Amino acid sequence: MGLTFSRCRDAGNPLMDAAMALYRRSFPAHELRLWPDQQAAMNDPLYHFDLCLLDGALAGLILYWDFGAYIYVEHFCVEPSMRGHGLGTLILAELAKKNKPIILEIDPLTDDVAVRRKGFYERCGYVANGFAHVHPPYQAANHGHALIVMSHPRALSQAEFDTFTVDLREKVMAYSESKRNG
């Protein structure tokens, strides 16, 4: 496979419309940044809005924060027509080559999709952490939502989880309607 990554820093990328369409299709509305907040985040040097390209075509997105000591994957998705062929595993393996702990969140295990998603991440070397965690709202009309924190290649210490929580609230969520209006 000819997998490459292309970091978007502004809306000028010719694949941005397709990327944002995939982003909106892949996540519930309450888990999405509004477009002005997304544009602002893309200017942050710690934020990576990476297009995953397979032979030049958009195959997925991995939107993450590189905090130096660790990486936080905020959003990750693969084009629905390309799922089930190992592409997601390959994308995560490429990210793991940065040799830093990786943190991401998944929905609580309330349905078969969530259970399968957890199994996928476990097969990729992620472990579920037992910390109670509520992700702050991106949009002012919404409330925070409980998520499971997973990490690679090992479980987080309490101190690492606490650092992540502060970074999430202070840096990541700085680019949200809730923070702008709050």
N, C-alpha and C. Protein backbone atom coordinates (compact mmCIF):
# COMPACT_ATOMS: atom_id res chain seq x y z
N MET A 1 0.84 -1.18 0.00
CA MET A 1 0.00 0.00 0.00
C MET A 1 0.88 1.24 0.00
N GLY A 2 0.47 2.24 -0.76
CA GLY A 2 1.18 3.50 -0.78
C GLY A 2 0.54 4.48 0.18
N LEU A 3 0.74 4.26 1.51
CA LEU A 3 0.15 5.11 2.53
C LEU A 3 1.07 6.28 2.83
N THR A 4 0.51 7.49 2.76
CA THR A 4 1.26 8.69 3.12
C THR A 4 0.36 9.56 3.99
N PHE A 5 1.00 10.51 4.67
CA PHE A 5 0.30 11.45 5.53
C PHE A 5 0.56 12.86 5.04
N SER A 6 -0.46 13.68 5.04
CA SER A 6 -0.33 15.07 4.62
C SER A 6 -0.95 15.95 5.70
N ARG A 7 -0.11 16.77 6.32
CA ARG A 7 -0.59 17.64 7.40
C ARG A 7 -1.22 18.90 6.81
N CYS A 8 -2.45 19.17 7.21
CA CYS A 8 -3.15 20.38 6.76
C CYS A 8 -2.98 21.46 7.81
N ARG A 9 -2.57 22.64 7.36
CA ARG A 9 -2.41 23.77 8.27
C ARG A 9 -3.47 24.85 8.04
N ASP A 10 -4.22 24.72 6.95
CA ASP A 10 -5.28 25.69 6.67
C ASP A 10 -6.29 25.06 5.72
N ALA A 11 -7.31 25.82 5.41
CA ALA A 11 -8.40 25.31 4.58
C ALA A 11 -8.04 25.24 3.10
N GLY A 12 -6.83 25.63 2.73
CA GLY A 12 -6.45 25.69 1.33
C GLY A 12 -6.14 24.35 0.69
N ASN A 13 -6.04 23.29 1.46
CA ASN A 13 -5.73 21.98 0.89
C ASN A 13 -6.90 21.55 -0.01
N PRO A 14 -6.60 21.08 -1.22
CA PRO A 14 -7.69 20.69 -2.14
C PRO A 14 -8.54 19.52 -1.63
N LEU A 15 -8.03 18.76 -0.67
CA LEU A 15 -8.80 17.65 -0.12
C LEU A 15 -9.57 18.02 1.15
N MET A 16 -9.51 19.31 1.55
CA MET A 16 -10.12 19.70 2.82
C MET A 16 -11.63 19.50 2.83
N ASP A 17 -12.32 19.78 1.73
CA ASP A 17 -13.78 19.56 1.72
C ASP A 17 -14.10 18.09 1.95
N ALA A 18 -13.38 17.20 1.28
CA ALA A 18 -13.61 15.76 1.46
C ALA A 18 -13.22 15.33 2.87
N ALA A 19 -12.15 15.91 3.40
CA ALA A 19 -11.71 15.57 4.76
C ALA A 19 -12.75 15.98 5.79
N MET A 20 -13.29 17.18 5.64
CA MET A 20 -14.30 17.64 6.60
C MET A 20 -15.60 16.85 6.45
N ALA A 21 -15.92 16.43 5.26
CA ALA A 21 -17.11 15.59 5.06
C ALA A 21 -16.92 14.25 5.79
N LEU A 22 -15.74 13.65 5.67
CA LEU A 22 -15.45 12.40 6.37
C LEU A 22 -15.50 12.61 7.88
N TYR A 23 -14.93 13.69 8.36
CA TYR A 23 -14.94 14.04 9.78
C TYR A 23 -16.38 14.12 10.30
N ARG A 24 -17.22 14.83 9.58
CA ARG A 24 -18.62 15.00 10.01
C ARG A 24 -19.42 13.70 9.94
N ARG A 25 -19.10 12.85 8.97
CA ARG A 25 -19.80 11.55 8.84
C ARG A 25 -19.37 10.56 9.92
N SER A 26 -18.15 10.72 10.41
CA SER A 26 -17.54 9.70 11.27
C SER A 26 -17.80 9.88 12.75
N PHE A 27 -18.23 11.07 13.17
CA PHE A 27 -18.38 11.33 14.60
C PHE A 27 -19.73 11.97 14.87
N PRO A 28 -20.31 11.69 16.04
CA PRO A 28 -21.56 12.37 16.38
C PRO A 28 -21.33 13.87 16.52
N ALA A 29 -22.37 14.65 16.29
CA ALA A 29 -22.25 16.11 16.27
C ALA A 29 -21.64 16.67 17.55
N HIS A 30 -21.95 16.07 18.70
CA HIS A 30 -21.42 16.61 19.96
C HIS A 30 -19.92 16.37 20.12
N GLU A 31 -19.32 15.54 19.28
CA GLU A 31 -17.88 15.27 19.34
C GLU A 31 -17.10 16.06 18.30
N LEU A 32 -17.75 16.99 17.62
CA LEU A 32 -17.11 17.73 16.53
C LEU A 32 -16.80 19.17 16.92
N ARG A 33 -15.68 19.65 16.43
CA ARG A 33 -15.37 21.07 16.51
C ARG A 33 -16.15 21.80 15.44
N LEU A 34 -16.58 23.00 15.74
CA LEU A 34 -17.15 23.85 14.70
C LEU A 34 -16.03 24.31 13.78
N TRP A 35 -16.35 24.63 12.54
CA TRP A 35 -15.34 24.96 11.53
C TRP A 35 -14.41 26.10 11.97
N PRO A 36 -14.89 27.20 12.53
CA PRO A 36 -13.95 28.25 12.95
C PRO A 36 -12.96 27.77 14.00
N ASP A 37 -13.41 26.90 14.90
CA ASP A 37 -12.52 26.35 15.92
C ASP A 37 -11.52 25.38 15.31
N GLN A 38 -11.96 24.60 14.32
CA GLN A 38 -11.06 23.68 13.63
C GLN A 38 -9.96 24.45 12.91
N GLN A 39 -10.35 25.52 12.23
CA GLN A 39 -9.36 26.35 11.53
C GLN A 39 -8.34 26.93 12.51
N ALA A 40 -8.81 27.39 13.65
CA ALA A 40 -7.90 27.96 14.65
C ALA A 40 -6.96 26.90 15.20
N ALA A 41 -7.47 25.71 15.47
CA ALA A 41 -6.64 24.62 15.99
C ALA A 41 -5.55 24.24 14.99
N MET A 42 -5.88 24.27 13.70
CA MET A 42 -4.91 23.87 12.67
C MET A 42 -3.69 24.78 12.65
N ASN A 43 -3.81 25.98 13.21
CA ASN A 43 -2.67 26.89 13.29
C ASN A 43 -1.79 26.64 14.51
N ASP A 44 -2.24 25.79 15.42
CA ASP A 44 -1.46 25.49 16.62
C ASP A 44 -0.34 24.52 16.24
N PRO A 45 0.90 24.83 16.59
CA PRO A 45 2.01 23.94 16.20
C PRO A 45 1.94 22.54 16.82
N LEU A 46 1.21 22.37 17.90
CA LEU A 46 1.11 21.06 18.53
C LEU A 46 0.05 20.16 17.87
N TYR A 47 -0.84 20.77 17.09
CA TYR A 47 -1.97 20.05 16.51
C TYR A 47 -1.64 19.57 15.11
N HIS A 48 -2.00 18.33 14.85
CA HIS A 48 -1.80 17.73 13.53
C HIS A 48 -3.15 17.31 12.97
N PHE A 49 -3.53 17.94 11.88
CA PHE A 49 -4.72 17.54 11.12
C PHE A 49 -4.15 16.81 9.92
N ASP A 50 -3.96 15.50 10.06
CA ASP A 50 -3.28 14.72 9.03
C ASP A 50 -4.27 13.93 8.18
N LEU A 51 -4.16 14.15 6.88
CA LEU A 51 -4.89 13.34 5.91
C LEU A 51 -4.10 12.05 5.72
N CYS A 52 -4.78 10.92 5.75
CA CYS A 52 -4.16 9.64 5.46
C CYS A 52 -4.51 9.31 4.01
N LEU A 53 -3.50 9.28 3.18
CA LEU A 53 -3.70 9.11 1.74
C LEU A 53 -3.22 7.73 1.31
N LEU A 54 -4.04 7.04 0.57
CA LEU A 54 -3.68 5.75 0.01
C LEU A 54 -3.56 5.94 -1.49
N ASP A 55 -2.34 5.83 -1.97
CA ASP A 55 -2.07 6.08 -3.39
C ASP A 55 -2.65 7.42 -3.83
N GLY A 56 -2.54 8.43 -2.95
CA GLY A 56 -2.96 9.79 -3.26
C GLY A 56 -4.41 10.12 -2.98
N ALA A 57 -5.23 9.10 -2.68
CA ALA A 57 -6.66 9.33 -2.41
C ALA A 57 -6.90 9.36 -0.91
N LEU A 58 -7.83 10.19 -0.49
CA LEU A 58 -8.16 10.29 0.93
C LEU A 58 -8.71 8.96 1.44
N ALA A 59 -8.03 8.40 2.43
CA ALA A 59 -8.44 7.12 3.00
C ALA A 59 -8.84 7.25 4.46
N GLY A 60 -8.41 8.33 5.12
CA GLY A 60 -8.73 8.49 6.53
C GLY A 60 -8.17 9.79 7.06
N LEU A 61 -8.42 10.00 8.34
CA LEU A 61 -7.93 11.17 9.06
C LEU A 61 -7.37 10.73 10.40
N ILE A 62 -6.28 11.35 10.82
CA ILE A 62 -5.81 11.19 12.18
C ILE A 62 -5.46 12.59 12.68
N LEU A 63 -6.27 13.06 13.63
CA LEU A 63 -6.15 14.40 14.16
C LEU A 63 -5.63 14.26 15.58
N TYR A 64 -4.39 14.73 15.80
CA TYR A 64 -3.76 14.48 17.09
C TYR A 64 -2.94 15.67 17.56
N TRP A 65 -2.62 15.63 18.84
CA TRP A 65 -1.80 16.64 19.51
C TRP A 65 -0.51 15.98 19.94
N ASP A 66 0.62 16.57 19.57
CA ASP A 66 1.91 16.06 20.01
C ASP A 66 2.39 16.95 21.15
N PHE A 67 2.23 16.47 22.37
CA PHE A 67 2.60 17.24 23.56
C PHE A 67 4.04 16.99 23.98
N GLY A 68 4.82 16.36 23.14
CA GLY A 68 6.22 16.11 23.46
C GLY A 68 6.39 14.81 24.21
N ALA A 69 5.85 14.73 25.42
CA ALA A 69 5.97 13.52 26.24
C ALA A 69 5.00 12.44 25.80
N TYR A 70 3.94 12.84 25.10
CA TYR A 70 2.95 11.88 24.63
C TYR A 70 2.15 12.50 23.48
N ILE A 71 1.39 11.63 22.81
CA ILE A 71 0.49 12.04 21.72
C ILE A 71 -0.94 11.75 22.16
N TYR A 72 -1.81 12.71 21.91
CA TYR A 72 -3.25 12.52 22.16
C TYR A 72 -3.97 12.50 20.83
N VAL A 73 -4.57 11.37 20.49
CA VAL A 73 -5.36 11.24 19.27
C VAL A 73 -6.77 11.72 19.59
N GLU A 74 -7.12 12.87 19.03
CA GLU A 74 -8.42 13.46 19.29
C GLU A 74 -9.51 12.86 18.40
N HIS A 75 -9.20 12.67 17.13
CA HIS A 75 -10.14 12.05 16.19
C HIS A 75 -9.35 11.16 15.23
N PHE A 76 -9.92 10.00 14.93
CA PHE A 76 -9.31 9.05 14.00
C PHE A 76 -10.42 8.32 13.28
N CYS A 77 -10.35 8.31 11.96
CA CYS A 77 -11.37 7.60 11.18
C CYS A 77 -10.79 7.16 9.84
N VAL A 78 -11.40 6.13 9.30
CA VAL A 78 -11.06 5.59 7.99
C VAL A 78 -12.31 5.67 7.13
N GLU A 79 -12.13 5.99 5.86
CA GLU A 79 -13.26 6.00 4.92
C GLU A 79 -14.04 4.69 5.06
N PRO A 80 -15.35 4.75 5.21
CA PRO A 80 -16.15 3.53 5.40
C PRO A 80 -15.88 2.45 4.35
N SER A 81 -15.72 2.83 3.10
CA SER A 81 -15.50 1.84 2.04
C SER A 81 -14.14 1.15 2.15
N MET A 82 -13.24 1.69 2.97
CA MET A 82 -11.89 1.13 3.10
C MET A 82 -11.68 0.42 4.43
N ARG A 83 -12.71 0.33 5.25
CA ARG A 83 -12.59 -0.32 6.55
C ARG A 83 -12.54 -1.83 6.38
N GLY A 84 -11.90 -2.48 7.34
CA GLY A 84 -11.85 -3.94 7.35
C GLY A 84 -10.73 -4.54 6.52
N HIS A 85 -9.79 -3.70 6.06
CA HIS A 85 -8.69 -4.19 5.23
C HIS A 85 -7.33 -3.91 5.84
N GLY A 86 -7.30 -3.57 7.14
CA GLY A 86 -6.03 -3.35 7.83
C GLY A 86 -5.48 -1.94 7.75
N LEU A 87 -6.21 -1.05 7.11
CA LEU A 87 -5.71 0.33 6.95
C LEU A 87 -5.63 1.05 8.29
N GLY A 88 -6.64 0.92 9.14
CA GLY A 88 -6.61 1.56 10.45
C GLY A 88 -5.44 1.07 11.28
N THR A 89 -5.18 -0.23 11.24
CA THR A 89 -4.04 -0.80 11.96
C THR A 89 -2.74 -0.22 11.43
N LEU A 90 -2.63 -0.09 10.13
CA LEU A 90 -1.42 0.47 9.51
C LEU A 90 -1.21 1.93 9.92
N ILE A 91 -2.28 2.72 9.94
CA ILE A 91 -2.18 4.13 10.32
C ILE A 91 -1.70 4.24 11.77
N LEU A 92 -2.29 3.45 12.67
CA LEU A 92 -1.88 3.51 14.07
C LEU A 92 -0.45 3.02 14.26
N ALA A 93 -0.04 2.03 13.47
CA ALA A 93 1.34 1.55 13.55
C ALA A 93 2.33 2.64 13.13
N GLU A 94 1.96 3.42 12.13
CA GLU A 94 2.82 4.54 11.71
C GLU A 94 2.93 5.58 12.82
N LEU A 95 1.82 5.88 13.48
CA LEU A 95 1.85 6.84 14.57
C LEU A 95 2.72 6.32 15.72
N ALA A 96 2.65 5.02 16.00
CA ALA A 96 3.43 4.43 17.08
C ALA A 96 4.93 4.53 16.83
N LYS A 97 5.34 4.69 15.58
CA LYS A 97 6.77 4.83 15.25
C LYS A 97 7.37 6.11 15.82
N LYS A 98 6.54 7.02 16.33
CA LYS A 98 7.05 8.24 16.96
C LYS A 98 7.62 7.93 18.35
N ASN A 99 7.44 6.69 18.81
CA ASN A 99 8.00 6.21 20.06
C ASN A 99 7.63 7.07 21.27
N LYS A 100 6.35 7.41 21.34
CA LYS A 100 5.81 8.15 22.48
C LYS A 100 4.55 7.44 22.92
N PRO A 101 4.22 7.54 24.20
CA PRO A 101 2.91 7.02 24.61
C PRO A 101 1.81 7.72 23.82
N ILE A 102 0.76 6.98 23.51
CA ILE A 102 -0.37 7.51 22.76
C ILE A 102 -1.63 7.33 23.61
N ILE A 103 -2.42 8.40 23.68
CA ILE A 103 -3.68 8.38 24.42
C ILE A 103 -4.81 8.65 23.44
N LEU A 104 -5.90 7.93 23.59
CA LEU A 104 -7.12 8.20 22.83
C LEU A 104 -8.31 7.83 23.69
N GLU A 105 -9.50 8.21 23.24
CA GLU A 105 -10.72 7.93 23.99
C GLU A 105 -11.71 7.18 23.10
N ILE A 106 -12.48 6.31 23.73
CA ILE A 106 -13.55 5.62 23.02
C ILE A 106 -14.84 5.74 23.82
N ASP A 107 -15.95 5.47 23.13
CA ASP A 107 -17.25 5.50 23.79
C ASP A 107 -17.36 4.37 24.80
N PRO A 108 -18.17 4.57 25.82
CA PRO A 108 -18.45 3.47 26.77
C PRO A 108 -19.00 2.25 26.02
N LEU A 109 -18.84 1.10 26.61
CA LEU A 109 -19.20 -0.16 25.95
C LEU A 109 -20.69 -0.45 26.08
N THR A 110 -21.49 0.37 25.42
CA THR A 110 -22.95 0.25 25.52
C THR A 110 -23.59 -0.44 24.32
N ASP A 111 -22.80 -0.73 23.26
CA ASP A 111 -23.35 -1.41 22.09
C ASP A 111 -22.25 -2.22 21.42
N ASP A 112 -22.63 -3.02 20.43
CA ASP A 112 -21.68 -3.89 19.74
C ASP A 112 -20.59 -3.10 19.02
N VAL A 113 -20.93 -1.94 18.46
CA VAL A 113 -19.94 -1.12 17.76
C VAL A 113 -18.85 -0.68 18.72
N ALA A 114 -19.23 -0.23 19.90
CA ALA A 114 -18.24 0.21 20.89
C ALA A 114 -17.37 -0.95 21.35
N VAL A 115 -17.97 -2.12 21.53
CA VAL A 115 -17.20 -3.30 21.95
C VAL A 115 -16.20 -3.68 20.85
N ARG A 116 -16.64 -3.67 19.59
CA ARG A 116 -15.73 -3.99 18.48
C ARG A 116 -14.60 -2.96 18.37
N ARG A 117 -14.93 -1.68 18.58
CA ARG A 117 -13.92 -0.62 18.51
C ARG A 117 -12.85 -0.85 19.59
N LYS A 118 -13.29 -1.18 20.80
CA LYS A 118 -12.33 -1.45 21.88
C LYS A 118 -11.44 -2.63 21.50
N GLY A 119 -12.04 -3.69 20.95
CA GLY A 119 -11.26 -4.84 20.51
C GLY A 119 -10.25 -4.49 19.45
N PHE A 120 -10.63 -3.63 18.50
CA PHE A 120 -9.70 -3.17 17.47
C PHE A 120 -8.49 -2.50 18.10
N TYR A 121 -8.74 -1.57 19.01
CA TYR A 121 -7.62 -0.87 19.65
C TYR A 121 -6.76 -1.81 20.48
N GLU A 122 -7.39 -2.76 21.15
CA GLU A 122 -6.61 -3.74 21.92
C GLU A 122 -5.72 -4.56 21.00
N ARG A 123 -6.22 -4.95 19.85
CA ARG A 123 -5.39 -5.70 18.88
C ARG A 123 -4.22 -4.85 18.38
N CYS A 124 -4.38 -3.52 18.42
CA CYS A 124 -3.32 -2.61 18.00
C CYS A 124 -2.38 -2.26 19.16
N GLY A 125 -2.56 -2.90 20.31
CA GLY A 125 -1.65 -2.70 21.43
C GLY A 125 -2.08 -1.67 22.46
N TYR A 126 -3.32 -1.20 22.39
CA TYR A 126 -3.83 -0.23 23.35
C TYR A 126 -4.45 -0.95 24.54
N VAL A 127 -4.41 -0.30 25.70
CA VAL A 127 -5.03 -0.84 26.90
C VAL A 127 -6.01 0.18 27.47
N ALA A 128 -7.11 -0.32 28.01
CA ALA A 128 -8.08 0.56 28.65
C ALA A 128 -7.58 0.94 30.04
N ASN A 129 -7.77 2.19 30.38
CA ASN A 129 -7.40 2.70 31.70
C ASN A 129 -8.67 2.82 32.54
N GLY A 130 -8.56 2.63 33.83
CA GLY A 130 -9.73 2.62 34.70
C GLY A 130 -10.14 3.98 35.24
N PHE A 131 -9.55 5.05 34.75
CA PHE A 131 -9.88 6.38 35.26
C PHE A 131 -11.27 6.83 34.81
N ALA A 132 -12.02 7.43 35.73
CA ALA A 132 -13.28 8.07 35.35
C ALA A 132 -12.92 9.30 34.53
N HIS A 133 -13.56 9.45 33.35
CA HIS A 133 -13.16 10.53 32.45
C HIS A 133 -14.38 11.09 31.72
N VAL A 134 -14.53 12.40 31.77
CA VAL A 134 -15.58 13.09 31.03
C VAL A 134 -14.91 14.09 30.10
N HIS A 135 -15.13 13.91 28.80
CA HIS A 135 -14.57 14.83 27.81
C HIS A 135 -15.40 16.11 27.83
N PRO A 136 -14.75 17.28 27.92
CA PRO A 136 -15.51 18.54 27.91
C PRO A 136 -16.23 18.74 26.58
N PRO A 137 -17.28 19.55 26.57
CA PRO A 137 -18.05 19.77 25.34
C PRO A 137 -17.32 20.69 24.36
N TYR A 138 -17.43 20.39 23.09
CA TYR A 138 -16.88 21.25 22.04
C TYR A 138 -17.79 22.44 21.77
N GLN A 139 -19.08 22.22 21.93
CA GLN A 139 -20.05 23.26 21.58
C GLN A 139 -20.80 23.70 22.84
N ALA A 140 -21.12 24.99 22.89
CA ALA A 140 -21.72 25.58 24.08
C ALA A 140 -23.05 24.93 24.46
N ALA A 141 -23.80 24.43 23.49
CA ALA A 141 -25.11 23.84 23.77
C ALA A 141 -25.02 22.43 24.33
N ASN A 142 -23.84 21.83 24.32
CA ASN A 142 -23.67 20.45 24.75
C ASN A 142 -23.07 20.35 26.15
N HIS A 143 -23.09 19.13 26.67
CA HIS A 143 -22.49 18.83 27.96
C HIS A 143 -21.33 17.87 27.72
N GLY A 144 -20.47 17.72 28.70
CA GLY A 144 -19.39 16.74 28.60
C GLY A 144 -19.96 15.34 28.47
N HIS A 145 -19.14 14.43 27.95
CA HIS A 145 -19.60 13.05 27.79
C HIS A 145 -18.53 12.09 28.29
N ALA A 146 -18.98 11.05 28.98
CA ALA A 146 -18.08 10.05 29.55
C ALA A 146 -17.45 9.23 28.44
N LEU A 147 -16.15 9.02 28.54
CA LEU A 147 -15.41 8.20 27.58
C LEU A 147 -14.42 7.32 28.33
N ILE A 148 -13.99 6.27 27.67
CA ILE A 148 -12.95 5.39 28.19
C ILE A 148 -11.62 5.85 27.62
N VAL A 149 -10.63 6.02 28.48
CA VAL A 149 -9.29 6.41 28.04
C VAL A 149 -8.49 5.15 27.76
N MET A 150 -7.93 5.09 26.55
CA MET A 150 -7.05 3.98 26.18
C MET A 150 -5.67 4.55 25.90
N SER A 151 -4.65 3.73 26.10
CA SER A 151 -3.28 4.20 25.87
C SER A 151 -2.43 3.09 25.28
N HIS A 152 -1.38 3.51 24.61
CA HIS A 152 -0.43 2.60 23.95
C HIS A 152 0.96 3.03 24.36
N PRO A 153 1.84 2.20 24.69
CA PRO A 153 1.76 0.73 24.68
C PRO A 153 1.41 0.13 26.04
N ARG A 154 1.08 0.99 27.02
CA ARG A 154 0.82 0.52 28.38
C ARG A 154 -0.22 1.42 29.04
N ALA A 155 -0.68 0.99 30.20
CA ALA A 155 -1.60 1.81 30.99
C ALA A 155 -0.89 3.06 31.49
N LEU A 156 -1.66 4.10 31.72
CA LEU A 156 -1.13 5.37 32.23
C LEU A 156 -1.01 5.35 33.75
N SER A 157 -0.04 6.07 34.25
CA SER A 157 0.02 6.31 35.69
C SER A 157 -0.98 7.40 36.05
N GLN A 158 -1.25 7.56 37.31
CA GLN A 158 -2.16 8.63 37.74
C GLN A 158 -1.59 9.99 37.31
N ALA A 159 -0.30 10.18 37.45
CA ALA A 159 0.33 11.46 37.08
C ALA A 159 0.19 11.72 35.58
N GLU A 160 0.36 10.68 34.75
CA GLU A 160 0.21 10.85 33.30
C GLU A 160 -1.23 11.19 32.95
N PHE A 161 -2.17 10.52 33.59
CA PHE A 161 -3.58 10.81 33.34
C PHE A 161 -3.90 12.25 33.76
N ASP A 162 -3.38 12.67 34.90
CA ASP A 162 -3.62 14.04 35.38
C ASP A 162 -3.06 15.06 34.41
N THR A 163 -1.87 14.82 33.87
CA THR A 163 -1.27 15.72 32.87
C THR A 163 -2.14 15.78 31.63
N PHE A 164 -2.59 14.63 31.16
CA PHE A 164 -3.49 14.59 30.01
C PHE A 164 -4.75 15.40 30.26
N THR A 165 -5.35 15.24 31.42
CA THR A 165 -6.59 15.96 31.75
C THR A 165 -6.37 17.47 31.71
N VAL A 166 -5.27 17.93 32.25
CA VAL A 166 -4.96 19.37 32.21
C VAL A 166 -4.74 19.82 30.77
N ASP A 167 -3.96 19.07 30.00
CA ASP A 167 -3.71 19.43 28.59
C ASP A 167 -5.00 19.45 27.79
N LEU A 168 -5.87 18.48 28.03
CA LEU A 168 -7.15 18.42 27.33
C LEU A 168 -7.97 19.67 27.62
N ARG A 169 -8.12 20.00 28.87
CA ARG A 169 -8.96 21.13 29.26
C ARG A 169 -8.35 22.48 28.88
N GLU A 170 -7.04 22.61 29.03
CA GLU A 170 -6.41 23.91 28.84
C GLU A 170 -5.95 24.16 27.40
N LYS A 171 -5.44 23.15 26.72
CA LYS A 171 -4.88 23.37 25.38
C LYS A 171 -5.84 22.90 24.28
N VAL A 172 -6.26 21.64 24.35
CA VAL A 172 -7.11 21.08 23.30
C VAL A 172 -8.44 21.83 23.23
N MET A 173 -9.06 22.00 24.37
CA MET A 173 -10.39 22.61 24.40
C MET A 173 -10.34 24.13 24.27
N ALA A 174 -9.15 24.71 24.21
CA ALA A 174 -9.05 26.15 23.93
C ALA A 174 -9.66 26.46 22.56
N TYR A 175 -9.70 25.45 21.70
CA TYR A 175 -10.26 25.59 20.36
C TYR A 175 -11.67 24.97 20.32
N SER A 176 -12.55 25.52 21.11
CA SER A 176 -13.93 25.04 21.14
C SER A 176 -14.86 26.21 21.42
N GLU A 177 -16.07 26.06 20.92
CA GLU A 177 -17.07 27.10 21.16
C GLU A 177 -17.33 27.26 22.65
N SER A 178 -17.31 26.16 23.39
CA SER A 178 -17.55 26.22 24.83
C SER A 178 -16.53 27.10 25.52
N LYS A 179 -15.27 26.97 25.13
CA LYS A 179 -14.20 27.77 25.76
C LYS A 179 -14.31 29.23 25.33
N ARG A 180 -14.61 29.46 24.06
CA ARG A 180 -14.75 30.84 23.56
C ARG A 180 -15.88 31.56 24.29
N ASN A 181 -16.96 30.84 24.57
CA ASN A 181 -18.14 31.46 25.17
C ASN A 181 -18.16 31.33 26.69
N GLY A 182 -17.17 30.63 27.26
CA GLY A 182 -17.22 30.37 28.68
C GLY A 182 -16.22 31.14 29.43
